[in-house]
Amino acid sequence: NLPGDVVGLNSWVEVEDKLTGRQMKFRIVTPGLANLGKHFVSVYAPLGIALMGYRKGQVIKWEMPSGPREFFVKNVINTA
């Protein structure tokens, strides 16, 4: 079990793109459940990989397909 504020599989995550200010909320799921319409992002998608193991309040610097980005982890919710 992960601490409640650490991103893992099945976590709901709220992030802010530091460059654009865009805010996103989604769940990290297995590839078979990925569905952007439901806000389910694959654990193997670039953003899913980038967020794994980070905590609420941290800033992540990651190389995305569109170039380097920074994301602020605004909130993490882990449910059973």
C-alpha atoms as a PDB file:
ATOM      1  CA  ASN A   1       0.000   0.000   0.000  1.00  0.00           C
ATOM      2  CA  LEU A   2       1.212   3.465  -0.914  1.00  0.00           C
ATOM      3  CA  PRO A   3       0.845   6.492   1.326  1.00  0.00           C
ATOM      4  CA  GLY A   4      -2.311   8.433   0.443  1.00  0.00           C
ATOM      5  CA  ASP A   5      -0.459  11.264  -1.283  1.00  0.00           C
ATOM      6  CA  VAL A   6       1.772   9.161  -3.586  1.00  0.00           C
ATOM      7  CA  VAL A   7       0.824   8.518  -7.218  1.00  0.00           C
ATOM      8  CA  GLY A   8       0.436   4.848  -8.097  1.00  0.00           C
ATOM      9  CA  LEU A   9      -1.740   2.567 -10.188  1.00  0.00           C
ATOM     10  CA  ASN A  10      -5.434   3.526  -9.791  1.00  0.00           C
ATOM     11  CA  SER A  11      -4.622   6.915  -8.227  1.00  0.00           C
ATOM     12  CA  TRP A  12      -6.756   9.903  -9.145  1.00  0.00           C
ATOM     13  CA  VAL A  13      -4.303  12.722  -9.855  1.00  0.00           C
ATOM     14  CA  GLU A  14      -4.824  16.440 -10.330  1.00  0.00           C
ATOM     15  CA  VAL A  15      -1.929  18.272 -11.992  1.00  0.00           C
ATOM     16  CA  GLU A  16      -1.193  21.709 -13.380  1.00  0.00           C
ATOM     17  CA  ASP A  17       0.993  22.190 -16.441  1.00  0.00           C
ATOM     18  CA  LYS A  18       3.428  24.899 -15.285  1.00  0.00           C
ATOM     19  CA  LEU A  19       3.945  26.190 -18.844  1.00  0.00           C
ATOM     20  CA  THR A  20       0.311  26.566 -19.898  1.00  0.00           C
ATOM     21  CA  GLY A  21      -1.512  26.691 -16.560  1.00  0.00           C
ATOM     22  CA  ARG A  22      -3.801  23.922 -17.841  1.00  0.00           C
ATOM     23  CA  GLN A  23      -5.233  21.786 -15.060  1.00  0.00           C
ATOM     24  CA  MET A  24      -5.976  18.107 -15.587  1.00  0.00           C
ATOM     25  CA  LYS A  25      -7.594  15.441 -13.443  1.00  0.00           C
ATOM     26  CA  PHE A  26      -7.338  11.780 -14.359  1.00  0.00           C
ATOM     27  CA  ARG A  27      -6.867   8.270 -13.052  1.00  0.00           C
ATOM     28  CA  ILE A  28      -3.749   6.169 -13.697  1.00  0.00           C
ATOM     29  CA  VAL A  29      -4.941   2.781 -15.019  1.00  0.00           C
ATOM     30  CA  THR A  30      -3.721  -0.341 -16.779  1.00  0.00           C
ATOM     31  CA  PRO A  31      -3.475  -0.013 -20.588  1.00  0.00           C
ATOM     32  CA  GLY A  32      -6.665  -2.011 -21.190  1.00  0.00           C
ATOM     33  CA  LEU A  33      -8.726   0.500 -19.194  1.00  0.00           C
ATOM     34  CA  ALA A  34      -7.207   3.655 -20.698  1.00  0.00           C
ATOM     35  CA  ASN A  35      -9.919   5.981 -22.010  1.00  0.00           C
ATOM     36  CA  LEU A  36      -9.341   9.729 -22.320  1.00  0.00           C
ATOM     37  CA  GLY A  37     -13.090  10.349 -22.460  1.00  0.00           C
ATOM     38  CA  LYS A  38     -13.366   8.922 -18.938  1.00  0.00           C
ATOM     39  CA  HIS A  39     -10.123  10.651 -17.857  1.00  0.00           C
ATOM     40  CA  PHE A  40      -8.325   7.293 -17.544  1.00  0.00           C
ATOM     41  CA  VAL A  41      -4.633   7.545 -18.533  1.00  0.00           C
ATOM     42  CA  SER A  42      -2.485   4.450 -19.067  1.00  0.00           C
ATOM     43  CA  VAL A  43       0.301   3.843 -16.607  1.00  0.00           C
ATOM     44  CA  TYR A  44       2.499   3.477 -19.722  1.00  0.00           C
ATOM     45  CA  ALA A  45       1.508   6.811 -21.294  1.00  0.00           C
ATOM     46  CA  PRO A  46       4.220   9.499 -21.022  1.00  0.00           C
ATOM     47  CA  LEU A  47       2.297  11.409 -18.336  1.00  0.00           C
ATOM     48  CA  GLY A  48       1.456   8.209 -16.441  1.00  0.00           C
ATOM     49  CA  ILE A  49       5.111   7.194 -16.371  1.00  0.00           C
ATOM     50  CA  ALA A  50       6.180  10.692 -15.339  1.00  0.00           C
ATOM     51  CA  LEU A  51       3.867  10.841 -12.327  1.00  0.00           C
ATOM     52  CA  MET A  52       4.439   7.410 -10.777  1.00  0.00           C
ATOM     53  CA  GLY A  53       5.904   7.669  -7.281  1.00  0.00           C
ATOM     54  CA  TYR A  54       5.565  11.440  -6.939  1.00  0.00           C
ATOM     55  CA  ARG A  55       3.650  13.086  -4.095  1.00  0.00           C
ATOM     56  CA  LYS A  56       1.126  15.847  -3.751  1.00  0.00           C
ATOM     57  CA  GLY A  57       2.931  19.206  -3.787  1.00  0.00           C
ATOM     58  CA  GLN A  58       5.886  18.093  -5.898  1.00  0.00           C
ATOM     59  CA  VAL A  59       6.927  19.489  -9.289  1.00  0.00           C
ATOM     60  CA  ILE A  60       7.847  16.983 -11.982  1.00  0.00           C
ATOM     61  CA  LYS A  61      10.140  17.819 -14.884  1.00  0.00           C
ATOM     62  CA  TRP A  62       9.645  15.341 -17.722  1.00  0.00           C
ATOM     63  CA  GLU A  63      10.415  15.010 -21.416  1.00  0.00           C
ATOM     64  CA  MET A  64       7.054  14.662 -23.156  1.00  0.00           C
ATOM     65  CA  PRO A  65       6.569  13.947 -26.891  1.00  0.00           C
ATOM     66  CA  SER A  66       5.903  17.701 -27.314  1.00  0.00           C
ATOM     67  CA  GLY A  67       9.107  18.655 -25.455  1.00  0.00           C
ATOM     68  CA  PRO A  68      10.196  19.208 -21.838  1.00  0.00           C
ATOM     69  CA  ARG A  69       7.376  20.020 -19.409  1.00  0.00           C
ATOM     70  CA  GLU A  70       6.869  20.724 -15.724  1.00  0.00           C
ATOM     71  CA  PHE A  71       3.809  19.557 -13.824  1.00  0.00           C
ATOM     72  CA  PHE A  72       2.727  20.506 -10.317  1.00  0.00           C
ATOM     73  CA  VAL A  73       0.931  17.700  -8.474  1.00  0.00           C
ATOM     74  CA  LYS A  74      -2.059  19.482  -6.926  1.00  0.00           C
ATOM     75  CA  ASN A  75      -3.794  16.459  -5.455  1.00  0.00           C
ATOM     76  CA  VAL A  76      -3.614  12.661  -5.240  1.00  0.00           C
ATOM     77  CA  ILE A  77      -6.471  10.416  -4.166  1.00  0.00           C
ATOM     78  CA  ASN A  78      -5.917   6.694  -3.648  1.00  0.00           C
ATOM     79  CA  THR A  79      -9.009   4.540  -3.290  1.00  0.00           C
ATOM     80  CA  ALA A  80      -9.252   0.877  -2.486  1.00  0.00           C
END
